[in-house]
């Protein structure tokens, strides 16, 4: 794992009307888990979603779909990879 580079985010990007959007990013070889962080920019609430998502061996992408609907608003999200020893990559670019 290159710890200087976070996972590449894929979706959602831009405007969506889906209240339970699927957050998708590129898998990183050597990752055991991913730390997903979502902030609501409209309300200022931090960590509306903060979830550990398990890596899937052989998968090109990893995704997470929230079970509860998000309120209408503007959001920003990041993800970082975590190896089995607890080492973390940089955060992805904010999306």
PDB file of N, CA and C in Angstrom:
ATOM      1  N   UNK A   1       0.839  -1.176   0.000  1.00  0.00           N
ATOM      2  CA  UNK A   1       0.000   0.000   0.000  1.00  0.00           C
ATOM      3  C   UNK A   1       0.884   1.239   0.000  1.00  0.00           C
ATOM      4  N   UNK A   2       0.526   2.184  -0.837  1.00  0.00           N
ATOM      5  CA  UNK A   2       1.213   3.472  -0.824  1.00  0.00           C
ATOM      6  C   UNK A   2       0.466   4.361   0.168  1.00  0.00           C
ATOM      7  N   UNK A   3       1.049   4.574   1.323  1.00  0.00           N
ATOM      8  CA  UNK A   3       0.378   5.299   2.396  1.00  0.00           C
ATOM      9  C   UNK A   3       0.215   6.789   2.117  1.00  0.00           C
ATOM     10  N   UNK A   4       0.904   7.279   1.112  1.00  0.00           N
ATOM     11  CA  UNK A   4       0.802   8.703   0.777  1.00  0.00           C
ATOM     12  C   UNK A   4      -0.451   9.026  -0.016  1.00  0.00           C
ATOM     13  N   UNK A   5      -1.075   7.999  -0.604  1.00  0.00           N
ATOM     14  CA  UNK A   5      -2.211   8.208  -1.505  1.00  0.00           C
ATOM     15  C   UNK A   5      -3.442   7.499  -0.966  1.00  0.00           C
ATOM     16  N   UNK A   6      -4.543   8.208  -0.852  1.00  0.00           N
ATOM     17  CA  UNK A   6      -5.798   7.610  -0.416  1.00  0.00           C
ATOM     18  C   UNK A   6      -6.537   6.976  -1.578  1.00  0.00           C
ATOM     19  N   UNK A   7      -7.584   6.245  -1.293  1.00  0.00           N
ATOM     20  CA  UNK A   7      -8.377   5.618  -2.349  1.00  0.00           C
ATOM     21  C   UNK A   7      -8.997   6.662  -3.282  1.00  0.00           C
ATOM     22  N   UNK A   8      -9.175   6.299  -4.533  1.00  0.00           N
ATOM     23  CA  UNK A   8      -9.824   7.179  -5.510  1.00  0.00           C
ATOM     24  C   UNK A   8     -11.338   7.035  -5.364  1.00  0.00           C
ATOM     25  N   UNK A   9     -12.026   8.153  -5.146  1.00  0.00           N
ATOM     26  CA  UNK A   9     -13.479   8.119  -5.016  1.00  0.00           C
ATOM     27  C   UNK A   9     -14.121   8.025  -6.399  1.00  0.00           C
ATOM     28  N   UNK A  10     -15.278   7.361  -6.464  1.00  0.00           N
ATOM     29  CA  UNK A  10     -15.972   7.185  -7.739  1.00  0.00           C
ATOM     30  C   UNK A  10     -17.354   7.845  -7.696  1.00  0.00           C
ATOM     31  N   UNK A  11     -18.218   7.403  -6.782  1.00  0.00           N
ATOM     32  CA  UNK A  11     -19.555   7.986  -6.683  1.00  0.00           C
ATOM     33  C   UNK A  11     -19.976   8.058  -5.223  1.00  0.00           C
ATOM     34  N   UNK A  12     -20.853   8.946  -4.841  1.00  0.00           N
ATOM     35  CA  UNK A  12     -21.502   9.960  -5.663  1.00  0.00           C
ATOM     36  C   UNK A  12     -20.608  11.175  -5.864  1.00  0.00           C
ATOM     37  N   UNK A  13     -20.772  11.811  -6.987  1.00  0.00           N
ATOM     38  CA  UNK A  13     -20.062  13.041  -7.322  1.00  0.00           C
ATOM     39  C   UNK A  13     -21.095  14.002  -7.893  1.00  0.00           C
ATOM     40  N   UNK A  14     -21.110  15.219  -7.420  1.00  0.00           N
ATOM     41  CA  UNK A  14     -22.062  16.194  -7.949  1.00  0.00           C
ATOM     42  C   UNK A  14     -23.436  16.028  -7.330  1.00  0.00           C
ATOM     43  N   UNK A  15     -24.457  16.404  -8.096  1.00  0.00           N
ATOM     44  CA  UNK A  15     -25.830  16.423  -7.606  1.00  0.00           C
ATOM     45  C   UNK A  15     -26.466  15.050  -7.736  1.00  0.00           C
ATOM     46  N   UNK A  16     -27.144  14.636  -6.666  1.00  0.00           N
ATOM     47  CA  UNK A  16     -27.939  13.406  -6.685  1.00  0.00           C
ATOM     48  C   UNK A  16     -29.201  13.642  -5.869  1.00  0.00           C
ATOM     49  N   UNK A  17     -30.278  13.017  -6.278  1.00  0.00           N
ATOM     50  CA  UNK A  17     -31.519  13.103  -5.503  1.00  0.00           C
ATOM     51  C   UNK A  17     -31.745  11.837  -4.683  1.00  0.00           C
ATOM     52  N   UNK A  18     -30.806  10.918  -4.753  1.00  0.00           N
ATOM     53  CA  UNK A  18     -30.882   9.667  -4.005  1.00  0.00           C
ATOM     54  C   UNK A  18     -30.586   9.951  -2.533  1.00  0.00           C
ATOM     55  N   UNK A  19     -31.520   9.637  -1.650  1.00  0.00           N
ATOM     56  CA  UNK A  19     -31.304   9.904  -0.220  1.00  0.00           C
ATOM     57  C   UNK A  19     -30.501   8.802   0.463  1.00  0.00           C
ATOM     58  N   UNK A  20     -30.275   7.698  -0.248  1.00  0.00           N
ATOM     59  CA  UNK A  20     -29.388   6.636   0.257  1.00  0.00           C
ATOM     60  C   UNK A  20     -28.363   6.315  -0.837  1.00  0.00           C
ATOM     61  N   UNK A  21     -27.500   7.282  -1.137  1.00  0.00           N
ATOM     62  CA  UNK A  21     -26.541   7.073  -2.220  1.00  0.00           C
ATOM     63  C   UNK A  21     -25.502   6.013  -1.866  1.00  0.00           C
ATOM     64  N   UNK A  22     -25.050   5.300  -2.870  1.00  0.00           N
ATOM     65  CA  UNK A  22     -23.992   4.316  -2.664  1.00  0.00           C
ATOM     66  C   UNK A  22     -22.649   5.013  -2.826  1.00  0.00           C
ATOM     67  N   UNK A  23     -21.844   4.994  -1.784  1.00  0.00           N
ATOM     68  CA  UNK A  23     -20.496   5.561  -1.810  1.00  0.00           C
ATOM     69  C   UNK A  23     -19.570   4.479  -2.360  1.00  0.00           C
ATOM     70  N   UNK A  24     -18.874   4.796  -3.441  1.00  0.00           N
ATOM     71  CA  UNK A  24     -18.022   3.814  -4.112  1.00  0.00           C
ATOM     72  C   UNK A  24     -16.635   4.395  -4.333  1.00  0.00           C
ATOM     73  N   UNK A  25     -15.610   3.563  -4.113  1.00  0.00           N
ATOM     74  CA  UNK A  25     -14.225   3.975  -4.324  1.00  0.00           C
ATOM     75  C   UNK A  25     -13.426   2.793  -4.834  1.00  0.00           C
ATOM     76  N   UNK A  26     -12.246   3.082  -5.355  1.00  0.00           N
ATOM     77  CA  UNK A  26     -11.371   2.018  -5.870  1.00  0.00           C
ATOM     78  C   UNK A  26     -10.706   1.277  -4.713  1.00  0.00           C
ATOM     79  N   UNK A  27     -10.697  -0.039  -4.817  1.00  0.00           N
ATOM     80  CA  UNK A  27     -10.051  -0.870  -3.810  1.00  0.00           C
ATOM     81  C   UNK A  27      -8.539  -0.671  -3.867  1.00  0.00           C
ATOM     82  N   UNK A  28      -7.883  -0.864  -2.745  1.00  0.00           N
ATOM     83  CA  UNK A  28      -6.426  -0.755  -2.657  1.00  0.00           C
ATOM     84  C   UNK A  28      -5.870  -2.096  -2.197  1.00  0.00           C
ATOM     85  N   UNK A  29      -4.925  -2.635  -2.970  1.00  0.00           N
ATOM     86  CA  UNK A  29      -4.271  -3.887  -2.575  1.00  0.00           C
ATOM     87  C   UNK A  29      -3.588  -3.706  -1.228  1.00  0.00           C
ATOM     88  N   UNK A  30      -3.746  -4.669  -0.355  1.00  0.00           N
ATOM     89  CA  UNK A  30      -3.130  -4.615   0.964  1.00  0.00           C
ATOM     90  C   UNK A  30      -4.042  -4.046   2.038  1.00  0.00           C
ATOM     91  N   UNK A  31      -5.200  -3.530   1.634  1.00  0.00           N
ATOM     92  CA  UNK A  31      -6.140  -2.991   2.617  1.00  0.00           C
ATOM     93  C   UNK A  31      -6.903  -4.127   3.287  1.00  0.00           C
ATOM     94  N   UNK A  32      -7.221  -3.934   4.551  1.00  0.00           N
ATOM     95  CA  UNK A  32      -8.087  -4.869   5.279  1.00  0.00           C
ATOM     96  C   UNK A  32      -9.466  -4.245   5.461  1.00  0.00           C
ATOM     97  N   UNK A  33      -9.476  -2.916   5.653  1.00  0.00           N
ATOM     98  CA  UNK A  33     -10.717  -2.156   5.865  1.00  0.00           C
ATOM     99  C   UNK A  33     -10.550  -0.761   5.285  1.00  0.00           C
ATOM    100  N   UNK A  34     -11.656  -0.029   5.289  1.00  0.00           N
ATOM    101  CA  UNK A  34     -11.671   1.371   4.865  1.00  0.00           C
ATOM    102  C   UNK A  34     -12.447   2.174   5.898  1.00  0.00           C
ATOM    103  N   UNK A  35     -12.033   3.405   6.110  1.00  0.00           N
ATOM    104  CA  UNK A  35     -12.709   4.320   7.023  1.00  0.00           C
ATOM    105  C   UNK A  35     -13.448   5.337   6.161  1.00  0.00           C
ATOM    106  N   UNK A  36     -14.786   5.278   6.156  1.00  0.00           N
ATOM    107  CA  UNK A  36     -15.627   6.199   5.386  1.00  0.00           C
ATOM    108  C   UNK A  36     -16.130   7.293   6.311  1.00  0.00           C
ATOM    109  N   UNK A  37     -15.980   8.549   5.884  1.00  0.00           N
ATOM    110  CA  UNK A  37     -16.373   9.713   6.686  1.00  0.00           C
ATOM    111  C   UNK A  37     -17.209  10.626   5.804  1.00  0.00           C
ATOM    112  N   UNK A  38     -18.423  10.987   6.277  1.00  0.00           N
ATOM    113  CA  UNK A  38     -19.327  11.871   5.534  1.00  0.00           C
ATOM    114  C   UNK A  38     -19.777  13.001   6.454  1.00  0.00           C
ATOM    115  N   UNK A  39     -19.613  14.248   5.989  1.00  0.00           N
ATOM    116  CA  UNK A  39     -20.069  15.426   6.729  1.00  0.00           C
ATOM    117  C   UNK A  39     -21.237  16.077   5.993  1.00  0.00           C
ATOM    118  N   UNK A  40     -22.195  16.638   6.747  1.00  0.00           N
ATOM    119  CA  UNK A  40     -23.286  17.415   6.178  1.00  0.00           C
ATOM    120  C   UNK A  40     -22.851  18.875   6.207  1.00  0.00           C
ATOM    121  N   UNK A  41     -22.565  19.439   5.036  1.00  0.00           N
ATOM    122  CA  UNK A  41     -22.095  20.822   4.959  1.00  0.00           C
ATOM    123  C   UNK A  41     -23.223  21.817   5.205  1.00  0.00           C
ATOM    124  N   UNK A  42     -24.457  21.422   4.908  1.00  0.00           N
ATOM    125  CA  UNK A  42     -25.594  22.316   5.085  1.00  0.00           C
ATOM    126  C   UNK A  42     -25.836  22.609   6.563  1.00  0.00           C
ATOM    127  N   UNK A  43     -25.810  21.571   7.394  1.00  0.00           N
ATOM    128  CA  UNK A  43     -26.080  21.750   8.830  1.00  0.00           C
ATOM    129  C   UNK A  43     -24.810  21.931   9.652  1.00  0.00           C
ATOM    130  N   UNK A  44     -23.666  21.578   9.061  1.00  0.00           N
ATOM    131  CA  UNK A  44     -22.414  21.638   9.797  1.00  0.00           C
ATOM    132  C   UNK A  44     -22.149  20.390  10.629  1.00  0.00           C
ATOM    133  N   UNK A  45     -23.034  19.393  10.538  1.00  0.00           N
ATOM    134  CA  UNK A  45     -22.858  18.175  11.324  1.00  0.00           C
ATOM    135  C   UNK A  45     -21.720  17.339  10.763  1.00  0.00           C
ATOM    136  N   UNK A  46     -20.772  17.019  11.618  1.00  0.00           N
ATOM    137  CA  UNK A  46     -19.627  16.187  11.258  1.00  0.00           C
ATOM    138  C   UNK A  46     -19.975  14.720  11.442  1.00  0.00           C
ATOM    139  N   UNK A  47     -19.369  13.884  10.652  1.00  0.00           N
ATOM    140  CA  UNK A  47     -19.500  12.431  10.755  1.00  0.00           C
ATOM    141  C   UNK A  47     -20.958  11.970  10.766  1.00  0.00           C
ATOM    142  N   UNK A  48     -21.730  12.476   9.825  1.00  0.00           N
ATOM    143  CA  UNK A  48     -23.098  11.994   9.636  1.00  0.00           C
ATOM    144  C   UNK A  48     -23.026  10.483   9.392  1.00  0.00           C
ATOM    145  N   UNK A  49     -22.012  10.102   8.650  1.00  0.00           N
ATOM    146  CA  UNK A  49     -21.660   8.686   8.497  1.00  0.00           C
ATOM    147  C   UNK A  49     -20.188   8.572   8.838  1.00  0.00           C
ATOM    148  N   UNK A  50     -19.856   7.651   9.707  1.00  0.00           N
ATOM    149  CA  UNK A  50     -18.463   7.291   9.994  1.00  0.00           C
ATOM    150  C   UNK A  50     -18.478   5.790  10.165  1.00  0.00           C
ATOM    151  N   UNK A  51     -18.002   5.076   9.183  1.00  0.00           N
ATOM    152  CA  UNK A  51     -18.194   3.637   9.118  1.00  0.00           C
ATOM    153  C   UNK A  51     -16.918   2.941   8.678  1.00  0.00           C
ATOM    154  N   UNK A  52     -16.617   1.817   9.297  1.00  0.00           N
ATOM    155  CA  UNK A  52     -15.545   0.943   8.831  1.00  0.00           C
ATOM    156  C   UNK A  52     -16.166  -0.029   7.842  1.00  0.00           C
ATOM    157  N   UNK A  53     -15.605  -0.063   6.642  1.00  0.00           N
ATOM    158  CA  UNK A  53     -16.104  -0.931   5.574  1.00  0.00           C
ATOM    159  C   UNK A  53     -15.019  -1.953   5.269  1.00  0.00           C
ATOM    160  N   UNK A  54     -15.394  -3.206   5.238  1.00  0.00           N
ATOM    161  CA  UNK A  54     -14.426  -4.286   5.025  1.00  0.00           C
ATOM    162  C   UNK A  54     -13.973  -4.350   3.570  1.00  0.00           C
ATOM    163  N   UNK A  55     -12.683  -4.630   3.375  1.00  0.00           N
ATOM    164  CA  UNK A  55     -12.123  -4.847   2.044  1.00  0.00           C
ATOM    165  C   UNK A  55     -12.610  -6.194   1.512  1.00  0.00           C
ATOM    166  N   UNK A  56     -12.808  -6.283   0.211  1.00  0.00           N
ATOM    167  CA  UNK A  56     -13.210  -7.530  -0.435  1.00  0.00           C
ATOM    168  C   UNK A  56     -12.073  -7.947  -1.357  1.00  0.00           C
ATOM    169  N   UNK A  57     -11.426  -9.070  -1.054  1.00  0.00           N
ATOM    170  CA  UNK A  57     -10.304  -9.531  -1.878  1.00  0.00           C
ATOM    171  C   UNK A  57     -10.736  -9.726  -3.324  1.00  0.00           C
ATOM    172  N   UNK A  58      -9.930  -9.218  -4.239  1.00  0.00           N
ATOM    173  CA  UNK A  58     -10.188  -9.362  -5.664  1.00  0.00           C
ATOM    174  C   UNK A  58     -11.155  -8.345  -6.238  1.00  0.00           C
ATOM    175  N   UNK A  59     -11.745  -7.523  -5.404  1.00  0.00           N
ATOM    176  CA  UNK A  59     -12.698  -6.516  -5.885  1.00  0.00           C
ATOM    177  C   UNK A  59     -11.952  -5.315  -6.460  1.00  0.00           C
ATOM    178  N   UNK A  60     -12.478  -4.748  -7.533  1.00  0.00           N
ATOM    179  CA  UNK A  60     -11.906  -3.537  -8.117  1.00  0.00           C
ATOM    180  C   UNK A  60     -12.411  -2.297  -7.390  1.00  0.00           C
ATOM    181  N   UNK A  61     -13.636  -2.381  -6.878  1.00  0.00           N
ATOM    182  CA  UNK A  61     -14.222  -1.258  -6.154  1.00  0.00           C
ATOM    183  C   UNK A  61     -14.838  -1.763  -4.853  1.00  0.00           C
ATOM    184  N   UNK A  62     -14.985  -0.838  -3.913  1.00  0.00           N
ATOM    185  CA  UNK A  62     -15.620  -1.104  -2.628  1.00  0.00           C
ATOM    186  C   UNK A  62     -16.750  -0.086  -2.490  1.00  0.00           C
ATOM    187  N   UNK A  63     -17.850  -0.499  -1.882  1.00  0.00           N
ATOM    188  CA  UNK A  63     -18.952   0.454  -1.734  1.00  0.00           C
ATOM    189  C   UNK A  63     -19.675   0.270  -0.413  1.00  0.00           C
ATOM    190  N   UNK A  64     -20.402   1.318  -0.054  1.00  0.00           N
ATOM    191  CA  UNK A  64     -21.235   1.311   1.150  1.00  0.00           C
ATOM    192  C   UNK A  64     -22.495   2.104   0.846  1.00  0.00           C
ATOM    193  N   UNK A  65     -23.649   1.536   1.183  1.00  0.00           N
ATOM    194  CA  UNK A  65     -24.929   2.218   1.037  1.00  0.00           C
ATOM    195  C   UNK A  65     -25.542   2.377   2.420  1.00  0.00           C
ATOM    196  N   UNK A  66     -25.830   3.611   2.836  1.00  0.00           N
ATOM    197  CA  UNK A  66     -26.411   3.809   4.164  1.00  0.00           C
ATOM    198  C   UNK A  66     -27.808   3.191   4.244  1.00  0.00           C
ATOM    199  N   UNK A  67     -28.164   2.706   5.426  1.00  0.00           N
ATOM    200  CA  UNK A  67     -29.484   2.104   5.616  1.00  0.00           C
ATOM    201  C   UNK A  67     -30.539   3.150   5.948  1.00  0.00           C
ATOM    202  N   UNK A  68     -30.124   4.274   6.489  1.00  0.00           N
ATOM    203  CA  UNK A  68     -31.047   5.371   6.802  1.00  0.00           C
ATOM    204  C   UNK A  68     -30.865   6.486   5.776  1.00  0.00           C
ATOM    205  N   UNK A  69     -31.968   7.104   5.400  1.00  0.00           N
ATOM    206  CA  UNK A  69     -31.919   8.178   4.408  1.00  0.00           C
ATOM    207  C   UNK A  69     -31.187   9.399   4.964  1.00  0.00           C
ATOM    208  N   UNK A  70     -30.419  10.028   4.099  1.00  0.00           N
ATOM    209  CA  UNK A  70     -29.756  11.285   4.442  1.00  0.00           C
ATOM    210  C   UNK A  70     -30.732  12.430   4.180  1.00  0.00           C
ATOM    211  N   UNK A  71     -30.698  13.449   5.022  1.00  0.00           N
ATOM    212  CA  UNK A  71     -31.534  14.632   4.813  1.00  0.00           C
ATOM    213  C   UNK A  71     -31.043  15.384   3.577  1.00  0.00           C
ATOM    214  N   UNK A  72     -31.944  16.103   2.935  1.00  0.00           N
ATOM    215  CA  UNK A  72     -31.551  16.921   1.790  1.00  0.00           C
ATOM    216  C   UNK A  72     -30.484  17.912   2.241  1.00  0.00           C
ATOM    217  N   UNK A  73     -29.485  18.121   1.416  1.00  0.00           N
ATOM    218  CA  UNK A  73     -28.418  19.052   1.768  1.00  0.00           C
ATOM    219  C   UNK A  73     -27.174  18.796   0.958  1.00  0.00           C
ATOM    220  N   UNK A  74     -26.122  19.484   1.325  1.00  0.00           N
ATOM    221  CA  UNK A  74     -24.818  19.319   0.681  1.00  0.00           C
ATOM    222  C   UNK A  74     -23.920  18.511   1.602  1.00  0.00           C
ATOM    223  N   UNK A  75     -23.211  17.556   1.009  1.00  0.00           N
ATOM    224  CA  UNK A  75     -22.365  16.654   1.784  1.00  0.00           C
ATOM    225  C   UNK A  75     -20.964  16.604   1.192  1.00  0.00           C
ATOM    226  N   UNK A  76     -20.006  16.260   2.021  1.00  0.00           N
ATOM    227  CA  UNK A  76     -18.631  16.015   1.577  1.00  0.00           C
ATOM    228  C   UNK A  76     -18.201  14.703   2.211  1.00  0.00           C
ATOM    229  N   UNK A  77     -17.481  13.873   1.419  1.00  0.00           N
ATOM    230  CA  UNK A  77     -17.049  12.579   1.958  1.00  0.00           C
ATOM    231  C   UNK A  77     -15.617  12.271   1.583  1.00  0.00           C
ATOM    232  N   UNK A  78     -15.010  11.445   2.441  1.00  0.00           N
ATOM    233  CA  UNK A  78     -13.634  10.985   2.286  1.00  0.00           C
ATOM    234  C   UNK A  78     -13.569   9.518   2.662  1.00  0.00           C
ATOM    235  N   UNK A  79     -12.515   8.860   2.218  1.00  0.00           N
ATOM    236  CA  UNK A  79     -12.274   7.474   2.612  1.00  0.00           C
ATOM    237  C   UNK A  79     -10.771   7.257   2.711  1.00  0.00           C
ATOM    238  N   UNK A  80     -10.350   6.375   3.601  1.00  0.00           N
ATOM    239  CA  UNK A  80      -8.950   5.998   3.674  1.00  0.00           C
ATOM    240  C   UNK A  80      -8.867   4.490   3.890  1.00  0.00           C
ATOM    241  N   UNK A  81      -7.786   3.900   3.400  1.00  0.00           N
ATOM    242  CA  UNK A  81      -7.565   2.459   3.549  1.00  0.00           C
ATOM    243  C   UNK A  81      -6.803   2.198   4.836  1.00  0.00           C
ATOM    244  N   UNK A  82      -7.076   1.028   5.442  1.00  0.00           N
ATOM    245  CA  UNK A  82      -6.415   0.595   6.671  1.00  0.00           C
ATOM    246  C   UNK A  82      -5.906  -0.821   6.447  1.00  0.00           C
ATOM    247  N   UNK A  83      -4.621  -1.064   6.741  1.00  0.00           N
ATOM    248  CA  UNK A  83      -4.106  -2.434   6.581  1.00  0.00           C
ATOM    249  C   UNK A  83      -4.357  -3.242   7.849  1.00  0.00           C
ATOM    250  N   UNK A  84      -4.006  -4.510   7.826  1.00  0.00           N
ATOM    251  CA  UNK A  84      -4.298  -5.405   8.959  1.00  0.00           C
ATOM    252  C   UNK A  84      -3.533  -5.027  10.226  1.00  0.00           C
ATOM    253  N   UNK A  85      -2.431  -4.282  10.088  1.00  0.00           N
ATOM    254  CA  UNK A  85      -1.656  -3.842  11.253  1.00  0.00           C
ATOM    255  C   UNK A  85      -2.135  -2.487  11.781  1.00  0.00           C
ATOM    256  N   UNK A  86      -3.153  -1.903  11.135  1.00  0.00           N
ATOM    257  CA  UNK A  86      -3.673  -0.615  11.574  1.00  0.00           C
ATOM    258  C   UNK A  86      -3.078   0.578  10.861  1.00  0.00           C
ATOM    259  N   UNK A  87      -2.126   0.347   9.938  1.00  0.00           N
ATOM    260  CA  UNK A  87      -1.555   1.447   9.165  1.00  0.00           C
ATOM    261  C   UNK A  87      -2.603   2.041   8.235  1.00  0.00           C
ATOM    262  N   UNK A  88      -2.601   3.356   8.102  1.00  0.00           N
ATOM    263  CA  UNK A  88      -3.606   4.052   7.303  1.00  0.00           C
ATOM    264  C   UNK A  88      -2.971   4.832   6.172  1.00  0.00           C
ATOM    265  N   UNK A  89      -3.678   4.869   5.047  1.00  0.00           N
ATOM    266  CA  UNK A  89      -3.249   5.713   3.936  1.00  0.00           C
ATOM    267  C   UNK A  89      -3.677   7.146   4.230  1.00  0.00           C
ATOM    268  N   UNK A  90      -3.300   8.047   3.355  1.00  0.00           N
ATOM    269  CA  UNK A  90      -3.837   9.410   3.413  1.00  0.00           C
ATOM    270  C   UNK A  90      -5.330   9.321   3.106  1.00  0.00           C
ATOM    271  N   UNK A  91      -6.065  10.369   3.451  1.00  0.00           N
ATOM    272  CA  UNK A  91      -7.476  10.437   3.081  1.00  0.00           C
ATOM    273  C   UNK A  91      -7.588  10.670   1.580  1.00  0.00           C
ATOM    274  N   UNK A  92      -8.674  10.210   1.007  1.00  0.00           N
ATOM    275  CA  UNK A  92      -8.948  10.480  -0.402  1.00  0.00           C
ATOM    276  C   UNK A  92      -9.170  11.970  -0.588  1.00  0.00           C
ATOM    277  N   UNK A  93      -9.266  12.387  -1.813  1.00  0.00           N
ATOM    278  CA  UNK A  93      -9.656  13.756  -2.113  1.00  0.00           C
ATOM    279  C   UNK A  93     -11.097  13.940  -1.652  1.00  0.00           C
ATOM    280  N   UNK A  94     -11.401  15.068  -1.052  1.00  0.00           N
ATOM    281  CA  UNK A  94     -12.773  15.342  -0.618  1.00  0.00           C
ATOM    282  C   UNK A  94     -13.687  15.405  -1.835  1.00  0.00           C
ATOM    283  N   UNK A  95     -14.814  14.731  -1.720  1.00  0.00           N
ATOM    284  CA  UNK A  95     -15.764  14.674  -2.838  1.00  0.00           C
ATOM    285  C   UNK A  95     -17.115  15.193  -2.385  1.00  0.00           C
TER     286      UNK A  95
END
